PDB file of N, CA and C in Angstrom:
ATOM      1  N   MET A   1       0.781  -1.109  -0.059  1.00  0.00           N
ATOM      2  CA  MET A   1       0.026  -0.077  -0.043  1.00  0.00           C
ATOM      3  C   MET A   1       0.967   1.216   0.053  1.00  0.00           C
ATOM      4  N   GLU A   2       2.016   1.188   0.483  1.00  0.00           N
ATOM      5  CA  GLU A   2       2.907   2.292   0.618  1.00  0.00           C
ATOM      6  C   GLU A   2       3.305   2.745  -0.750  1.00  0.00           C
ATOM      7  N   LYS A   3       3.520   1.798  -1.648  1.00  0.00           N
ATOM      8  CA  LYS A   3       3.929   2.057  -2.909  1.00  0.00           C
ATOM      9  C   LYS A   3       2.961   2.831  -3.555  1.00  0.00           C
ATOM     10  N   VAL A   4       1.529   2.445  -3.307  1.00  0.00           N
ATOM     11  CA  VAL A   4       0.501   3.009  -4.104  1.00  0.00           C
ATOM     12  C   VAL A   4       0.460   4.530  -3.708  1.00  0.00           C
ATOM     13  N   GLU A   5       0.562   4.581  -2.605  1.00  0.00           N
ATOM     14  CA  GLU A   5       0.482   6.001  -1.984  1.00  0.00           C
ATOM     15  C   GLU A   5       1.619   7.056  -2.367  1.00  0.00           C
ATOM     16  N   GLU A   6       2.871   6.256  -2.727  1.00  0.00           N
ATOM     17  CA  GLU A   6       3.843   7.001  -3.035  1.00  0.00           C
ATOM     18  C   GLU A   6       3.687   7.500  -4.432  1.00  0.00           C
ATOM     19  N   LYS A   7       3.131   6.660  -5.268  1.00  0.00           N
ATOM     20  CA  LYS A   7       2.825   6.825  -6.774  1.00  0.00           C
ATOM     21  C   LYS A   7       1.736   7.862  -6.788  1.00  0.00           C
ATOM     22  N   GLY A   8       0.735   7.809  -6.007  1.00  0.00           N
ATOM     23  CA  GLY A   8      -0.187   8.948  -5.836  1.00  0.00           C
ATOM     24  C   GLY A   8       0.216  10.227  -5.574  1.00  0.00           C
ATOM     25  N   ARG A   9       1.113  10.297  -4.555  1.00  0.00           N
ATOM     26  CA  ARG A   9       1.549  11.606  -4.176  1.00  0.00           C
ATOM     27  C   ARG A   9       2.505  12.030  -5.598  1.00  0.00           C
ATOM     28  N   GLY A  10       3.496  11.077  -6.039  1.00  0.00           N
ATOM     29  CA  GLY A  10       4.342  11.494  -6.931  1.00  0.00           C
ATOM     30  C   GLY A  10       3.345  11.907  -8.381  1.00  0.00           C
ATOM     31  N   GLY A  11       2.380  11.221  -8.661  1.00  0.00           N
ATOM     32  CA  GLY A  11       1.370  11.598  -9.745  1.00  0.00           C
ATOM     33  C   GLY A  11       0.912  13.029  -9.636  1.00  0.00           C
ATOM     34  N   ARG A  12       0.599  13.343  -8.360  1.00  0.00           N
ATOM     35  CA  ARG A  12       0.090  14.738  -7.915  1.00  0.00           C
ATOM     36  C   ARG A  12       0.984  15.936  -8.317  1.00  0.00           C
ATOM     37  N   ARG A  13       2.188  15.310  -7.895  1.00  0.00           N
ATOM     38  CA  ARG A  13       3.296  16.407  -8.053  1.00  0.00           C
ATOM     39  C   ARG A  13       3.592  16.381  -9.495  1.00  0.00           C
ATOM     40  N   ARG A  14       3.700  15.363 -10.302  1.00  0.00           N
ATOM     41  CA  ARG A  14       3.805  15.567 -11.579  1.00  0.00           C
ATOM     42  C   ARG A  14       2.852  16.302 -12.187  1.00  0.00           C
ATOM     43  N   ARG A  15       1.424  16.166 -12.011  1.00  0.00           N
ATOM     44  CA  ARG A  15       0.483  16.655 -12.531  1.00  0.00           C
ATOM     45  C   ARG A  15       0.682  18.483 -12.250  1.00  0.00           C
ATOM     46  N   SER A  16       0.988  18.664 -11.011  1.00  0.00           N
ATOM     47  CA  SER A  16       1.127  20.191 -10.619  1.00  0.00           C
ATOM     48  C   SER A  16       2.344  20.434 -11.164  1.00  0.00           C
ATOM     49  N   TRP A  17       3.430  19.661 -11.484  1.00  0.00           N
ATOM     50  CA  TRP A  17       4.767  20.387 -11.982  1.00  0.00           C
ATOM     51  C   TRP A  17       4.221  20.521 -13.730  1.00  0.00           C
ATOM     52  N   LYS A  18       3.700  19.474 -14.114  1.00  0.00           N
ATOM     53  CA  LYS A  18       3.211  19.520 -15.469  1.00  0.00           C
ATOM     54  C   LYS A  18       2.271  20.883 -15.844  1.00  0.00           C
ATOM     55  N   ARG A  19       1.408  21.198 -14.969  1.00  0.00           N
ATOM     56  CA  ARG A  19       0.542  22.382 -15.147  1.00  0.00           C
ATOM     57  C   ARG A  19       1.273  23.661 -15.024  1.00  0.00           C
ATOM     58  N   LYS A  20       2.438  23.689 -14.165  1.00  0.00           N
ATOM     59  CA  LYS A  20       3.078  24.994 -13.862  1.00  0.00           C
ATOM     60  C   LYS A  20       4.057  25.008 -15.264  1.00  0.00           C
ATOM     61  N   GLU A  21       4.525  23.997 -15.609  1.00  0.00           N
ATOM     62  CA  GLU A  21       5.266  24.052 -17.035  1.00  0.00           C
ATOM     63  C   GLU A  21       4.234  24.380 -18.037  1.00  0.00           C
ATOM     64  N   GLU A  22       3.000  23.861 -18.152  1.00  0.00           N
ATOM     65  CA  GLU A  22       2.070  24.247 -19.310  1.00  0.00           C
ATOM     66  C   GLU A  22       1.925  25.781 -19.041  1.00  0.00           C
ATOM     67  N   GLU A  23       1.777  26.361 -18.001  1.00  0.00           N
ATOM     68  CA  GLU A  23       1.483  27.887 -17.794  1.00  0.00           C
ATOM     69  C   GLU A  23       2.845  28.562 -18.029  1.00  0.00           C
ATOM     70  N   LYS A  24       3.797  28.116 -17.881  1.00  0.00           N
ATOM     71  CA  LYS A  24       5.064  28.849 -18.283  1.00  0.00           C
ATOM     72  C   LYS A  24       5.160  28.650 -19.769  1.00  0.00           C
ATOM     73  N   GLU A  25       4.824  27.547 -20.552  1.00  0.00           N
ATOM     74  CA  GLU A  25       4.926  27.702 -21.854  1.00  0.00           C
ATOM     75  C   GLU A  25       3.790  28.413 -22.490  1.00  0.00           C
ATOM     76  N   GLU A  26       2.856  28.492 -21.966  1.00  0.00           N
ATOM     77  CA  GLU A  26       1.569  29.457 -22.321  1.00  0.00           C
ATOM     78  C   GLU A  26       2.078  31.003 -22.239  1.00  0.00           C
ATOM     79  N   GLU A  27       2.676  31.251 -21.011  1.00  0.00           N
ATOM     80  CA  GLU A  27       3.030  32.630 -20.999  1.00  0.00           C
ATOM     81  C   GLU A  27       4.264  33.116 -21.732  1.00  0.00           C
ATOM     82  N   LEU A  28       5.068  32.080 -22.223  1.00  0.00           N
ATOM     83  CA  LEU A  28       6.194  32.358 -23.106  1.00  0.00           C
ATOM     84  C   LEU A  28       5.493  32.458 -24.378  1.00  0.00           C
ATOM     85  N   GLU A  29       4.587  31.653 -24.990  1.00  0.00           N
ATOM     86  CA  GLU A  29       3.874  31.895 -26.374  1.00  0.00           C
ATOM     87  C   GLU A  29       3.309  33.315 -26.248  1.00  0.00           C
ATOM     88  N   GLU A  30       2.619  33.626 -25.228  1.00  0.00           N
ATOM     89  CA  GLU A  30       2.041  35.013 -25.305  1.00  0.00           C
ATOM     90  C   GLU A  30       2.999  36.246 -25.396  1.00  0.00           C
ATOM     91  N   GLU A  31       4.187  36.088 -24.668  1.00  0.00           N
ATOM     92  CA  GLU A  31       5.165  36.797 -24.765  1.00  0.00           C
ATOM     93  C   GLU A  31       5.724  37.053 -26.289  1.00  0.00           C
ATOM     94  N   LEU A  32       5.709  35.742 -26.887  1.00  0.00           N
ATOM     95  CA  LEU A  32       6.548  35.703 -28.016  1.00  0.00           C
ATOM     96  C   LEU A  32       5.505  36.278 -29.121  1.00  0.00           C
ATOM     97  N   LYS A  33       4.184  35.963 -28.994  1.00  0.00           N
ATOM     98  CA  LYS A  33       3.077  36.729 -29.880  1.00  0.00           C
ATOM     99  C   LYS A  33       3.151  38.304 -29.815  1.00  0.00           C
ATOM    100  N   GLU A  34       3.412  38.683 -28.447  1.00  0.00           N
ATOM    101  CA  GLU A  34       3.237  40.175 -28.548  1.00  0.00           C
ATOM    102  C   GLU A  34       4.763  40.705 -29.349  1.00  0.00           C
ATOM    103  N   LYS A  35       5.731  39.849 -28.993  1.00  0.00           N
ATOM    104  CA  LYS A  35       7.074  40.328 -29.485  1.00  0.00           C
ATOM    105  C   LYS A  35       6.777  40.250 -30.994  1.00  0.00           C
ATOM    106  N   LEU A  36       6.159  39.360 -31.558  1.00  0.00           N
ATOM    107  CA  LEU A  36       6.053  39.250 -33.019  1.00  0.00           C
ATOM    108  C   LEU A  36       5.059  40.413 -33.657  1.00  0.00           C
ATOM    109  N   LYS A  37       4.079  40.635 -32.730  1.00  0.00           N
ATOM    110  CA  LYS A  37       3.093  41.714 -33.077  1.00  0.00           C
ATOM    111  C   LYS A  37       3.949  43.161 -33.255  1.00  0.00           C
ATOM    112  N   GLU A  38       4.751  43.407 -32.223  1.00  0.00           N
ATOM    113  CA  GLU A  38       5.535  44.550 -32.202  1.00  0.00           C
ATOM    114  C   GLU A  38       6.482  44.596 -33.445  1.00  0.00           C
ATOM    115  N   LYS A  39       7.291  43.442 -33.722  1.00  0.00           N
ATOM    116  CA  LYS A  39       8.031  43.327 -34.699  1.00  0.00           C
ATOM    117  C   LYS A  39       7.298  43.523 -36.096  1.00  0.00           C
ATOM    118  N   LEU A  40       6.227  43.244 -36.328  1.00  0.00           N
ATOM    119  CA  LEU A  40       5.372  43.347 -37.429  1.00  0.00           C
ATOM    120  C   LEU A  40       4.938  44.756 -37.463  1.00  0.00           C
ATOM    121  N   LYS A  41       4.805  45.513 -36.383  1.00  0.00           N
ATOM    122  CA  LYS A  41       4.445  46.821 -36.589  1.00  0.00           C
ATOM    123  C   LYS A  41       5.572  47.717 -37.204  1.00  0.00           C
ATOM    124  N   GLU A  42       7.002  47.124 -36.455  1.00  0.00           N
ATOM    125  CA  GLU A  42       8.023  48.057 -36.862  1.00  0.00           C
ATOM    126  C   GLU A  42       8.263  47.649 -38.178  1.00  0.00           C
ATOM    127  N   LEU A  43       8.081  46.570 -38.616  1.00  0.00           N
ATOM    128  CA  LEU A  43       8.255  46.379 -40.046  1.00  0.00           C
ATOM    129  C   LEU A  43       7.378  47.034 -41.088  1.00  0.00           C
ATOM    130  N   GLU A  44       6.078  47.144 -40.664  1.00  0.00           N
ATOM    131  CA  GLU A  44       5.157  47.997 -41.458  1.00  0.00           C
ATOM    132  C   GLU A  44       5.562  49.434 -41.326  1.00  0.00           C
ATOM    133  N   LYS A  45       6.134  49.904 -40.361  1.00  0.00           N
ATOM    134  CA  LYS A  45       6.539  51.402 -40.343  1.00  0.00           C
ATOM    135  C   LYS A  45       7.592  51.536 -41.077  1.00  0.00           C
ATOM    136  N   GLU A  46       8.594  50.397 -41.355  1.00  0.00           N
ATOM    137  CA  GLU A  46       9.826  50.764 -42.147  1.00  0.00           C
ATOM    138  C   GLU A  46       9.303  50.686 -43.541  1.00  0.00           C
ATOM    139  N   GLU A  47       8.467  49.627 -43.831  1.00  0.00           N
ATOM    140  CA  GLU A  47       8.118  49.633 -45.247  1.00  0.00           C
ATOM    141  C   GLU A  47       7.364  50.983 -45.852  1.00  0.00           C
ATOM    142  N   GLN A  48       6.704  51.608 -44.848  1.00  0.00           N
ATOM    143  CA  GLN A  48       5.839  52.829 -45.326  1.00  0.00           C
ATOM    144  C   GLN A  48       7.013  53.913 -45.518  1.00  0.00           C
ATOM    145  N   LEU A  49       8.147  54.016 -44.696  1.00  0.00           N
ATOM    146  CA  LEU A  49       9.123  54.983 -44.654  1.00  0.00           C
ATOM    147  C   LEU A  49       9.869  54.711 -45.876  1.00  0.00           C
ATOM    148  N   GLU A  50      10.113  53.440 -46.430  1.00  0.00           N
ATOM    149  CA  GLU A  50      10.826  53.319 -47.734  1.00  0.00           C
ATOM    150  C   GLU A  50      10.174  53.637 -48.700  1.00  0.00           C
ATOM    151  N   GLU A  51       8.719  53.319 -48.635  1.00  0.00           N
ATOM    152  CA  GLU A  51       7.869  53.896 -49.729  1.00  0.00           C
ATOM    153  C   GLU A  51       7.902  55.483 -49.888  1.00  0.00           C
ATOM    154  N   GLU A  52       8.065  56.126 -48.733  1.00  0.00           N
ATOM    155  CA  GLU A  52       8.025  57.506 -48.705  1.00  0.00           C
ATOM    156  C   GLU A  52       9.345  58.174 -49.471  1.00  0.00           C
ATOM    157  N   LEU A  53      10.496  57.403 -49.033  1.00  0.00           N
ATOM    158  CA  LEU A  53      11.892  57.760 -49.481  1.00  0.00           C
ATOM    159  C   LEU A  53      11.713  57.479 -51.121  1.00  0.00           C
ATOM    160  N   LYS A  54      11.080  56.386 -51.565  1.00  0.00           N
ATOM    161  CA  LYS A  54      11.236  56.133 -52.959  1.00  0.00           C
ATOM    162  C   LYS A  54      10.304  57.088 -53.375  1.00  0.00           C
ATOM    163  N   GLN A  55       9.375  57.566 -53.176  1.00  0.00           N
ATOM    164  CA  GLN A  55       8.500  58.767 -53.663  1.00  0.00           C
ATOM    165  C   GLN A  55       9.394  60.016 -53.719  1.00  0.00           C
ATOM    166  N   GLU A  56      10.176  60.350 -52.582  1.00  0.00           N
ATOM    167  CA  GLU A  56      10.758  61.410 -52.721  1.00  0.00           C
ATOM    168  C   GLU A  56      12.109  61.450 -53.577  1.00  0.00           C
ATOM    169  N   LEU A  57      12.541  60.271 -53.646  1.00  0.00           N
ATOM    170  CA  LEU A  57      13.716  59.986 -54.757  1.00  0.00           C
ATOM    171  C   LEU A  57      12.995  60.290 -56.230  1.00  0.00           C
ATOM    172  N   GLU A  58      11.968  59.812 -56.342  1.00  0.00           N
ATOM    173  CA  GLU A  58      11.302  59.962 -57.833  1.00  0.00           C
ATOM    174  C   GLU A  58      11.050  61.412 -58.013  1.00  0.00           C
ATOM    175  N   LEU A  59      10.452  62.136 -57.159  1.00  0.00           N
ATOM    176  CA  LEU A  59      10.443  63.752 -57.357  1.00  0.00           C
ATOM    177  C   LEU A  59      11.767  64.313 -57.496  1.00  0.00           C
ATOM    178  N   GLU A  60      12.681  63.936 -56.660  1.00  0.00           N
ATOM    179  CA  GLU A  60      13.955  64.375 -57.117  1.00  0.00           C
ATOM    180  C   GLU A  60      14.475  64.170 -58.226  1.00  0.00           C
ATOM    181  N   LYS A  61      14.255  63.156 -58.863  1.00  0.00           N
ATOM    182  CA  LYS A  61      14.680  62.733 -60.187  1.00  0.00           C
ATOM    183  C   LYS A  61      14.033  63.597 -61.351  1.00  0.00           C
ATOM    184  N   GLU A  62      12.584  63.858 -61.093  1.00  0.00           N
ATOM    185  CA  GLU A  62      11.799  64.372 -61.857  1.00  0.00           C
ATOM    186  C   GLU A  62      12.438  66.028 -62.169  1.00  0.00           C
ATOM    187  N   LEU A  63      12.764  66.452 -60.757  1.00  0.00           N
ATOM    188  CA  LEU A  63      13.066  67.799 -60.690  1.00  0.00           C
ATOM    189  C   LEU A  63      14.541  67.971 -61.457  1.00  0.00           C
ATOM    190  N   GLU A  64      15.187  67.128 -61.444  1.00  0.00           N
ATOM    191  CA  GLU A  64      16.645  67.051 -62.097  1.00  0.00           C
ATOM    192  C   GLU A  64      16.559  67.095 -63.568  1.00  0.00           C
ATOM    193  N   GLU A  65      15.319  66.310 -63.810  1.00  0.00           N
ATOM    194  CA  GLU A  65      15.155  66.222 -65.361  1.00  0.00           C
ATOM    195  C   GLU A  65      14.668  67.431 -66.107  1.00  0.00           C
ATOM    196  N   LEU A  66      14.061  68.250 -64.982  1.00  0.00           N
ATOM    197  CA  LEU A  66      13.475  69.414 -65.827  1.00  0.00           C
ATOM    198  C   LEU A  66      14.273  70.364 -66.728  1.00  0.00           C
ATOM    199  N   ASN A  67      13.895  70.656 -67.753  1.00  0.00           N
ATOM    200  CA  ASN A  67      14.816  71.402 -68.661  1.00  0.00           C
ATOM    201  C   ASN A  67      15.574  72.610 -68.021  1.00  0.00           C
ATOM    202  N   ASP A  68      16.755  72.789 -68.224  1.00  0.00           N
ATOM    203  CA  ASP A  68      17.549  74.039 -67.633  1.00  0.00           C
ATOM    204  C   ASP A  68      17.082  75.272 -68.388  1.00  0.00           C
ATOM    205  N   GLU A  69      16.787  75.068 -69.751  1.00  0.00           N
ATOM    206  CA  GLU A  69      16.297  76.348 -70.587  1.00  0.00           C
ATOM    207  C   GLU A  69      15.015  76.893 -69.978  1.00  0.00           C
ATOM    208  N   GLU A  70      14.093  75.811 -69.668  1.00  0.00           N
ATOM    209  CA  GLU A  70      12.928  76.138 -69.269  1.00  0.00           C
ATOM    210  C   GLU A  70      12.858  76.991 -67.926  1.00  0.00           C
ATOM    211  N   LEU A  71      13.714  76.629 -67.236  1.00  0.00           N
ATOM    212  CA  LEU A  71      13.942  77.508 -65.862  1.00  0.00           C
ATOM    213  C   LEU A  71      14.469  78.736 -66.149  1.00  0.00           C
ATOM    214  N   GLU A  72      15.550  78.924 -67.137  1.00  0.00           N
ATOM    215  CA  GLU A  72      16.101  80.188 -67.428  1.00  0.00           C
ATOM    216  C   GLU A  72      15.068  81.016 -67.926  1.00  0.00           C
ATOM    217  N   GLU A  73      14.230  80.700 -68.986  1.00  0.00           N
ATOM    218  CA  GLU A  73      13.098  81.327 -69.381  1.00  0.00           C
ATOM    219  C   GLU A  73      12.283  81.847 -68.436  1.00  0.00           C
ATOM    220  N   LYS A  74      11.778  81.004 -67.402  1.00  0.00           N
ATOM    221  CA  LYS A  74      11.048  81.700 -66.485  1.00  0.00           C
ATOM    222  C   LYS A  74      11.820  82.586 -65.493  1.00  0.00           C
ATOM    223  N   LEU A  75      12.797  82.420 -65.295  1.00  0.00           N
ATOM    224  CA  LEU A  75      13.630  83.443 -64.617  1.00  0.00           C
ATOM    225  C   LEU A  75      13.843  84.640 -65.250  1.00  0.00           C
ATOM    226  N   GLU A  76      14.076  84.452 -66.741  1.00  0.00           N
ATOM    227  CA  GLU A  76      14.189  85.777 -67.561  1.00  0.00           C
ATOM    228  C   GLU A  76      12.602  86.625 -67.383  1.00  0.00           C
ATOM    229  N   GLU A  77      11.703  85.801 -67.533  1.00  0.00           N
ATOM    230  CA  GLU A  77      10.264  86.575 -67.558  1.00  0.00           C
ATOM    231  C   GLU A  77      10.335  87.229 -66.282  1.00  0.00           C
ATOM    232  N   ASP A  78      10.361  86.377 -65.200  1.00  0.00           N
ATOM    233  CA  ASP A  78      10.014  87.140 -63.913  1.00  0.00           C
ATOM    234  C   ASP A  78      11.051  88.376 -63.583  1.00  0.00           C
ATOM    235  N   LEU A  79      12.218  88.284 -64.101  1.00  0.00           N
ATOM    236  CA  LEU A  79      13.148  89.519 -64.057  1.00  0.00           C
ATOM    237  C   LEU A  79      12.594  90.752 -65.030  1.00  0.00           C
ATOM    238  N   GLU A  80      12.009  90.193 -66.165  1.00  0.00           N
ATOM    239  CA  GLU A  80      11.477  91.338 -67.198  1.00  0.00           C
ATOM    240  C   GLU A  80      10.389  92.107 -66.406  1.00  0.00           C
ATOM    241  N   GLU A  81       9.605  90.995 -65.708  1.00  0.00           N
ATOM    242  CA  GLU A  81       8.436  91.622 -65.116  1.00  0.00           C
ATOM    243  C   GLU A  81       9.013  92.618 -63.791  1.00  0.00           C
ATOM    244  N   GLU A  82       9.748  92.383 -63.204  1.00  0.00           N
ATOM    245  CA  GLU A  82      10.141  93.245 -62.165  1.00  0.00           C
ATOM    246  C   GLU A  82      10.771  94.508 -62.625  1.00  0.00           C
ATOM    247  N   LEU A  83      11.563  94.470 -63.731  1.00  0.00           N
ATOM    248  CA  LEU A  83      12.097  95.721 -64.363  1.00  0.00           C
ATOM    249  C   LEU A  83      10.782  96.572 -64.888  1.00  0.00           C
ATOM    250  N   GLU A  84      10.225  95.822 -65.482  1.00  0.00           N
ATOM    251  CA  GLU A  84       8.886  96.611 -66.033  1.00  0.00           C
ATOM    252  C   GLU A  84       8.158  97.368 -64.862  1.00  0.00           C
ATOM    253  N   GLU A  85       8.014  96.517 -63.469  1.00  0.00           N
ATOM    254  CA  GLU A  85       7.435  97.290 -62.576  1.00  0.00           C
ATOM    255  C   GLU A  85       8.304  98.499 -62.069  1.00  0.00           C
ATOM    256  N   GLU A  86       9.545  98.416 -62.038  1.00  0.00           N
ATOM    257  CA  GLU A  86      10.416  99.329 -61.572  1.00  0.00           C
ATOM    258  C   GLU A  86      10.295 100.474 -62.393  1.00  0.00           C
ATOM    259  N   GLN A  87      10.446 100.189 -63.767  1.00  0.00           N
ATOM    260  CA  GLN A  87      10.254 101.299 -64.603  1.00  0.00           C
ATOM    261  C   GLN A  87       9.074 102.285 -64.422  1.00  0.00           C
ATOM    262  N   ASN A  88       7.943 101.425 -64.269  1.00  0.00           N
ATOM    263  CA  ASN A  88       6.874 102.145 -64.072  1.00  0.00           C
ATOM    264  C   ASN A  88       6.608 103.079 -62.814  1.00  0.00           C
ATOM    265  N   ILE A  89       7.154 102.477 -61.798  1.00  0.00           N
ATOM    266  CA  ILE A  89       7.376 103.248 -60.637  1.00  0.00           C
ATOM    267  C   ILE A  89       8.124 104.484 -60.668  1.00  0.00           C
ATOM    268  N   TYR A  90       9.243 104.510 -61.518  1.00  0.00           N
ATOM    269  CA  TYR A  90      10.211 105.573 -61.988  1.00  0.00           C
ATOM    270  C   TYR A  90       9.224 106.438 -62.626  1.00  0.00           C
ATOM    271  N   TYR A  91       8.793 106.149 -63.659  1.00  0.00           N
ATOM    272  CA  TYR A  91       7.961 107.097 -64.535  1.00  0.00           C
ATOM    273  C   TYR A  91       6.994 107.615 -63.802  1.00  0.00           C
ATOM    274  N   LYS A  92       6.410 107.144 -62.992  1.00  0.00           N
ATOM    275  CA  LYS A  92       5.357 107.609 -62.079  1.00  0.00           C
ATOM    276  C   LYS A  92       5.686 108.638 -61.133  1.00  0.00           C
ATOM    277  N   ASN A  93       6.852 108.279 -60.599  1.00  0.00           N
ATOM    278  CA  ASN A  93       7.478 109.179 -59.689  1.00  0.00           C
ATOM    279  C   ASN A  93       7.977 110.575 -60.337  1.00  0.00           C
ATOM    280  N   ASN A  94       8.258 110.539 -61.421  1.00  0.00           N
ATOM    281  CA  ASN A  94       8.618 111.610 -62.452  1.00  0.00           C
ATOM    282  C   ASN A  94       7.635 112.311 -62.677  1.00  0.00           C
ATOM    283  N   ILE A  95       6.435 111.659 -63.206  1.00  0.00           N
ATOM    284  CA  ILE A  95       5.337 112.480 -63.518  1.00  0.00           C
ATOM    285  C   ILE A  95       4.806 113.434 -62.143  1.00  0.00           C
ATOM    286  N   ILE A  96       4.730 112.694 -61.116  1.00  0.00           N
ATOM    287  CA  ILE A  96       4.222 113.322 -59.802  1.00  0.00           C
ATOM    288  C   ILE A  96       5.313 114.459 -59.197  1.00  0.00           C
ATOM    289  N   LYS A  97       6.581 114.329 -59.525  1.00  0.00           N
ATOM    290  CA  LYS A  97       7.481 115.354 -59.464  1.00  0.00           C
ATOM    291  C   LYS A  97       7.254 116.705 -60.353  1.00  0.00           C
ATOM    292  N   ASN A  98       6.964 116.160 -61.747  1.00  0.00           N
ATOM    293  CA  ASN A  98       6.740 117.418 -62.559  1.00  0.00           C
ATOM    294  C   ASN A  98       5.358 117.945 -62.158  1.00  0.00           C
ATOM    295  N   GLU A  99       4.683 117.269 -61.865  1.00  0.00           N
ATOM    296  CA  GLU A  99       3.269 117.964 -61.490  1.00  0.00           C
ATOM    297  C   GLU A  99       3.297 118.764 -60.175  1.00  0.00           C
ATOM    298  N   TYR A 100       4.107 118.413 -59.375  1.00  0.00           N
ATOM    299  CA  TYR A 100       4.442 119.168 -58.088  1.00  0.00           C
ATOM    300  C   TYR A 100       5.348 120.352 -58.361  1.00  0.00           C
ATOM    301  N   TYR A 101       6.175 120.212 -59.438  1.00  0.00           N
ATOM    302  CA  TYR A 101       7.005 121.502 -59.793  1.00  0.00           C
ATOM    303  C   TYR A 101       6.201 122.359 -60.641  1.00  0.00           C
ATOM    304  N   ILE A 102       5.202 122.130 -61.287  1.00  0.00           N
ATOM    305  CA  ILE A 102       4.205 122.658 -62.071  1.00  0.00           C
ATOM    306  C   ILE A 102       3.552 123.494 -61.014  1.00  0.00           C
ATOM    307  N   LEU A 103       2.789 122.822 -60.181  1.00  0.00           N
ATOM    308  CA  LEU A 103       1.917 123.365 -59.041  1.00  0.00           C
ATOM    309  C   LEU A 103       2.499 124.523 -58.188  1.00  0.00           C
ATOM    310  N   ASN A 104       3.973 124.192 -58.095  1.00  0.00           N
ATOM    311  CA  ASN A 104       4.583 125.294 -57.269  1.00  0.00           C
ATOM    312  C   ASN A 104       5.026 126.361 -58.074  1.00  0.00           C
ATOM    313  N   LEU A 105       4.783 126.379 -59.329  1.00  0.00           N
ATOM    314  CA  LEU A 105       5.480 127.647 -59.948  1.00  0.00           C
ATOM    315  C   LEU A 105       4.544 128.858 -59.903  1.00  0.00           C
TER     316      LEU A 105
END
């Protein structure tokens, strides 16, 4: 009878030990799942950043491909417009000065 009792006690101990081991395994699995989820999120962020970088590079290439002549033409037009405005201001100031001079005669 003693042997049966010893086996029974050992059986309970083994079952208790097994349960503890199973609980530890479940906890480890949960931790691994969480870590995998975090890694997946990080990878998604990295992919998004890579895509943004690709788009930026494409835009830079497009800018480089723009024809220099077109840029020069646009700059010339802008400069001509500015010069015209300055000339108009100069002429208007002269007209005002002349009118002032005439009025003071």
